[in-house]
Amino acid sequence: MLPYCANLDFFGVTFGVLSIQQGGIILHQILAILWQDLGNQARLLAQPKHSEGEWLNSYIEPVLAKHPRRLCHAYKKNERRRLQQQLSRWLELERIRPPFKVIGIEKSVTLKLANYQIQCRIDRIDSLENGQIILIDYKTGHAQLAEW
């Protein structure tokens, strides 16, 4: 078993690594599937914390398995751990928010401002108990306002 891997050919089998962008896309895919299943904060809060790693793996594994680049075992293990850590941190924030229901995932919308139309893709749309609507845009890297 290799302790690490890069793009390499090992006995005729090519293994790859994920770019930062690919890692972000995978995380978005996992969150989309997770929230389609959960649907609201109450169902998240009902998940037992002691088995969170196993529960998150049930979302991580199918997404990693569909990735077009074959990932070596050691790399996949590290990527699974990285995804679990990121998801756990994100879900901790979700647990302490006011109660919400997910009403949209990966929605494409067109905003009309004056004579302009802006095409947007919203990662998630939540509805709070008080009727407020929250638009969520997942960020997996270091987003700089100046780069927008």
C-alpha atoms as a PDB file:
ATOM      1  CA  MET A   1       0.000   0.000   0.000  1.00  0.00           C
ATOM      2  CA  LEU A   2       1.359   3.429  -0.929  1.00  0.00           C
ATOM      3  CA  PRO A   3       1.587   5.980   1.911  1.00  0.00           C
ATOM      4  CA  TYR A   4       0.832   8.806  -0.513  1.00  0.00           C
ATOM      5  CA  CYS A   5       0.076   9.200  -4.170  1.00  0.00           C
ATOM      6  CA  ALA A   6       0.010  11.668  -7.019  1.00  0.00           C
ATOM      7  CA  ASN A   7      -0.801  11.211 -10.681  1.00  0.00           C
ATOM      8  CA  LEU A   8       1.107   8.013 -11.239  1.00  0.00           C
ATOM      9  CA  ASP A   9       0.997   4.748 -13.066  1.00  0.00           C
ATOM     10  CA  PHE A  10       1.356   1.777 -10.737  1.00  0.00           C
ATOM     11  CA  PHE A  11       1.351  -1.626 -12.426  1.00  0.00           C
ATOM     12  CA  GLY A  12      -0.701  -0.214 -15.269  1.00  0.00           C
ATOM     13  CA  VAL A  13      -3.288   1.476 -13.037  1.00  0.00           C
ATOM     14  CA  THR A  14      -3.290   5.279 -12.982  1.00  0.00           C
ATOM     15  CA  PHE A  15      -4.121   6.958  -9.686  1.00  0.00           C
ATOM     16  CA  GLY A  16      -4.908  10.627  -9.232  1.00  0.00           C
ATOM     17  CA  VAL A  17      -5.328  13.350  -6.675  1.00  0.00           C
ATOM     18  CA  LEU A  18      -8.056  15.966  -6.384  1.00  0.00           C
ATOM     19  CA  SER A  19      -7.518  19.616  -7.167  1.00  0.00           C
ATOM     20  CA  ILE A  20      -8.752  22.160  -4.626  1.00  0.00           C
ATOM     21  CA  GLN A  21     -11.659  22.917  -6.967  1.00  0.00           C
ATOM     22  CA  GLN A  22     -12.563  19.220  -7.272  1.00  0.00           C
ATOM     23  CA  GLY A  23     -12.475  18.862  -3.483  1.00  0.00           C
ATOM     24  CA  GLY A  24     -14.907  21.787  -3.199  1.00  0.00           C
ATOM     25  CA  ILE A  25     -17.226  20.305  -5.816  1.00  0.00           C
ATOM     26  CA  ILE A  26     -17.263  16.980  -3.966  1.00  0.00           C
ATOM     27  CA  LEU A  27     -18.090  18.732  -0.690  1.00  0.00           C
ATOM     28  CA  HIS A  28     -20.957  20.602  -2.410  1.00  0.00           C
ATOM     29  CA  GLN A  29     -22.291  17.315  -3.820  1.00  0.00           C
ATOM     30  CA  ILE A  30     -22.200  15.661  -0.404  1.00  0.00           C
ATOM     31  CA  LEU A  31     -23.995  18.590   1.249  1.00  0.00           C
ATOM     32  CA  ALA A  32     -26.661  18.609  -1.453  1.00  0.00           C
ATOM     33  CA  ILE A  33     -27.413  14.902  -0.949  1.00  0.00           C
ATOM     34  CA  LEU A  34     -27.241  15.195   2.856  1.00  0.00           C
ATOM     35  CA  TRP A  35     -29.751  18.089   2.968  1.00  0.00           C
ATOM     36  CA  GLN A  36     -32.046  16.431   0.437  1.00  0.00           C
ATOM     37  CA  ASP A  37     -32.233  13.529   2.876  1.00  0.00           C
ATOM     38  CA  LEU A  38     -32.486  15.557   6.089  1.00  0.00           C
ATOM     39  CA  GLY A  39     -34.679  18.415   4.917  1.00  0.00           C
ATOM     40  CA  ASN A  40     -34.508  20.357   8.178  1.00  0.00           C
ATOM     41  CA  GLN A  41     -32.493  21.092  11.284  1.00  0.00           C
ATOM     42  CA  ALA A  42     -34.672  18.906  13.529  1.00  0.00           C
ATOM     43  CA  ARG A  43     -33.617  15.784  11.612  1.00  0.00           C
ATOM     44  CA  LEU A  44     -29.975  16.859  11.881  1.00  0.00           C
ATOM     45  CA  LEU A  45     -30.343  17.288  15.644  1.00  0.00           C
ATOM     46  CA  ALA A  46     -31.849  13.785  15.866  1.00  0.00           C
ATOM     47  CA  GLN A  47     -28.657  12.230  14.444  1.00  0.00           C
ATOM     48  CA  PRO A  48     -26.548  10.639  17.211  1.00  0.00           C
ATOM     49  CA  LYS A  49     -23.235  12.488  17.655  1.00  0.00           C
ATOM     50  CA  HIS A  50     -21.366   9.343  18.729  1.00  0.00           C
ATOM     51  CA  SER A  51     -21.776   7.787  15.265  1.00  0.00           C
ATOM     52  CA  GLU A  52     -21.397  10.955  13.184  1.00  0.00           C
ATOM     53  CA  GLY A  53     -18.316   9.638  11.356  1.00  0.00           C
ATOM     54  CA  GLU A  54     -20.156   6.537  10.134  1.00  0.00           C
ATOM     55  CA  TRP A  55     -23.219   8.574   9.250  1.00  0.00           C
ATOM     56  CA  LEU A  56     -21.157  11.096   7.258  1.00  0.00           C
ATOM     57  CA  ASN A  57     -19.278   8.277   5.513  1.00  0.00           C
ATOM     58  CA  SER A  58     -22.594   7.020   4.162  1.00  0.00           C
ATOM     59  CA  TYR A  59     -22.720  10.307   2.196  1.00  0.00           C
ATOM     60  CA  ILE A  60     -18.994  10.642   1.444  1.00  0.00           C
ATOM     61  CA  GLU A  61     -18.315   7.180   0.023  1.00  0.00           C
ATOM     62  CA  PRO A  62     -20.873   7.198  -2.841  1.00  0.00           C
ATOM     63  CA  VAL A  63     -19.706  10.632  -3.998  1.00  0.00           C
ATOM     64  CA  LEU A  64     -16.017   9.659  -3.909  1.00  0.00           C
ATOM     65  CA  ALA A  65     -16.832   6.406  -5.720  1.00  0.00           C
ATOM     66  CA  LYS A  66     -18.416   8.348  -8.602  1.00  0.00           C
ATOM     67  CA  HIS A  67     -15.359  10.550  -9.065  1.00  0.00           C
ATOM     68  CA  PRO A  68     -13.884  10.030 -12.537  1.00  0.00           C
ATOM     69  CA  ARG A  69     -10.280   9.870 -11.281  1.00  0.00           C
ATOM     70  CA  ARG A  70      -9.266   6.693  -9.530  1.00  0.00           C
ATOM     71  CA  LEU A  71      -7.943   7.586  -6.078  1.00  0.00           C
ATOM     72  CA  CYS A  72      -5.413   5.356  -4.328  1.00  0.00           C
ATOM     73  CA  HIS A  73      -6.442   3.860  -1.000  1.00  0.00           C
ATOM     74  CA  ALA A  74      -4.178   6.027   1.181  1.00  0.00           C
ATOM     75  CA  TYR A  75      -5.220   9.242  -0.585  1.00  0.00           C
ATOM     76  CA  LYS A  76      -8.903   8.300  -0.429  1.00  0.00           C
ATOM     77  CA  LYS A  77      -8.581   7.578   3.296  1.00  0.00           C
ATOM     78  CA  ASN A  78      -7.062  11.019   3.906  1.00  0.00           C
ATOM     79  CA  GLU A  79      -9.670  12.703   1.696  1.00  0.00           C
ATOM     80  CA  ARG A  80     -12.460  10.917   3.598  1.00  0.00           C
ATOM     81  CA  ARG A  81     -11.002  12.180   6.887  1.00  0.00           C
ATOM     82  CA  ARG A  82     -10.683  15.749   5.505  1.00  0.00           C
ATOM     83  CA  LEU A  83     -14.298  15.689   4.295  1.00  0.00           C
ATOM     84  CA  GLN A  84     -15.534  14.319   7.633  1.00  0.00           C
ATOM     85  CA  GLN A  85     -13.745  17.133   9.481  1.00  0.00           C
ATOM     86  CA  GLN A  86     -15.101  19.838   7.182  1.00  0.00           C
ATOM     87  CA  LEU A  87     -18.626  18.439   7.320  1.00  0.00           C
ATOM     88  CA  SER A  88     -18.514  18.068  11.111  1.00  0.00           C
ATOM     89  CA  ARG A  89     -17.438  21.703  11.544  1.00  0.00           C
ATOM     90  CA  TRP A  90     -20.151  22.889   9.160  1.00  0.00           C
ATOM     91  CA  LEU A  91     -22.850  20.802  10.852  1.00  0.00           C
ATOM     92  CA  GLU A  92     -21.866  22.191  14.269  1.00  0.00           C
ATOM     93  CA  LEU A  93     -22.801  25.638  12.936  1.00  0.00           C
ATOM     94  CA  GLU A  94     -26.041  24.240  11.519  1.00  0.00           C
ATOM     95  CA  ARG A  95     -26.950  22.763  14.913  1.00  0.00           C
ATOM     96  CA  ILE A  96     -26.767  26.117  16.733  1.00  0.00           C
ATOM     97  CA  ARG A  97     -28.730  28.147  14.176  1.00  0.00           C
ATOM     98  CA  PRO A  98     -32.375  29.026  14.746  1.00  0.00           C
ATOM     99  CA  PRO A  99     -34.666  26.169  13.554  1.00  0.00           C
ATOM    100  CA  PHE A 100     -34.863  25.933   9.760  1.00  0.00           C
ATOM    101  CA  LYS A 101     -36.307  23.934   6.908  1.00  0.00           C
ATOM    102  CA  VAL A 102     -34.437  23.463   3.621  1.00  0.00           C
ATOM    103  CA  ILE A 103     -36.653  24.663   0.775  1.00  0.00           C
ATOM    104  CA  GLY A 104     -34.153  24.666  -2.088  1.00  0.00           C
ATOM    105  CA  ILE A 105     -30.879  23.038  -3.072  1.00  0.00           C
ATOM    106  CA  GLU A 106     -28.682  24.068  -6.017  1.00  0.00           C
ATOM    107  CA  LYS A 107     -31.330  26.410  -7.427  1.00  0.00           C
ATOM    108  CA  SER A 108     -30.646  28.414 -10.563  1.00  0.00           C
ATOM    109  CA  VAL A 109     -32.355  31.795 -10.507  1.00  0.00           C
ATOM    110  CA  THR A 110     -32.385  34.922 -12.632  1.00  0.00           C
ATOM    111  CA  LEU A 111     -32.367  38.226 -10.791  1.00  0.00           C
ATOM    112  CA  LYS A 112     -33.598  41.315 -12.587  1.00  0.00           C
ATOM    113  CA  LEU A 113     -32.026  44.584 -11.477  1.00  0.00           C
ATOM    114  CA  ALA A 114     -32.953  47.642 -13.541  1.00  0.00           C
ATOM    115  CA  ASN A 115     -32.029  46.661 -17.123  1.00  0.00           C
ATOM    116  CA  TYR A 116     -29.774  43.796 -16.070  1.00  0.00           C
ATOM    117  CA  GLN A 117     -30.366  40.097 -15.622  1.00  0.00           C
ATOM    118  CA  ILE A 118     -28.029  38.182 -13.338  1.00  0.00           C
ATOM    119  CA  GLN A 119     -27.860  34.382 -13.453  1.00  0.00           C
ATOM    120  CA  CYS A 120     -27.197  32.862 -10.008  1.00  0.00           C
ATOM    121  CA  ARG A 121     -26.884  29.379  -8.582  1.00  0.00           C
ATOM    122  CA  ILE A 122     -27.828  29.244  -4.908  1.00  0.00           C
ATOM    123  CA  ASP A 123     -26.317  26.343  -2.975  1.00  0.00           C
ATOM    124  CA  ARG A 124     -29.155  26.185  -0.465  1.00  0.00           C
ATOM    125  CA  ILE A 125     -32.275  28.095   0.535  1.00  0.00           C
ATOM    126  CA  ASP A 126     -33.587  27.801   4.096  1.00  0.00           C
ATOM    127  CA  SER A 127     -36.813  28.992   5.633  1.00  0.00           C
ATOM    128  CA  LEU A 128     -36.828  30.001   9.300  1.00  0.00           C
ATOM    129  CA  GLU A 129     -39.813  29.581  11.618  1.00  0.00           C
ATOM    130  CA  ASN A 130     -40.378  33.367  11.583  1.00  0.00           C
ATOM    131  CA  GLY A 131     -40.783  33.306   7.782  1.00  0.00           C
ATOM    132  CA  GLN A 132     -37.340  34.662   6.913  1.00  0.00           C
ATOM    133  CA  ILE A 133     -35.586  33.144   3.918  1.00  0.00           C
ATOM    134  CA  ILE A 134     -31.836  32.502   4.158  1.00  0.00           C
ATOM    135  CA  LEU A 135     -29.646  32.053   1.057  1.00  0.00           C
ATOM    136  CA  ILE A 136     -26.558  29.933   1.700  1.00  0.00           C
ATOM    137  CA  ASP A 137     -23.464  29.915  -0.497  1.00  0.00           C
ATOM    138  CA  TYR A 138     -20.960  27.283   0.626  1.00  0.00           C
ATOM    139  CA  LYS A 139     -17.333  28.390   0.603  1.00  0.00           C
ATOM    140  CA  THR A 140     -14.642  25.752   0.869  1.00  0.00           C
ATOM    141  CA  GLY A 141     -11.607  27.920   0.215  1.00  0.00           C
ATOM    142  CA  HIS A 142     -10.431  31.341   1.241  1.00  0.00           C
ATOM    143  CA  ALA A 143     -12.929  33.633  -0.445  1.00  0.00           C
ATOM    144  CA  GLN A 144     -11.741  37.202  -0.820  1.00  0.00           C
ATOM    145  CA  LEU A 145     -14.307  39.937  -1.442  1.00  0.00           C
ATOM    146  CA  ALA A 146     -11.799  41.678  -3.757  1.00  0.00           C
ATOM    147  CA  GLU A 147     -11.833  38.585  -6.024  1.00  0.00           C
ATOM    148  CA  TRP A 148     -15.571  38.919  -6.718  1.00  0.00           C
END
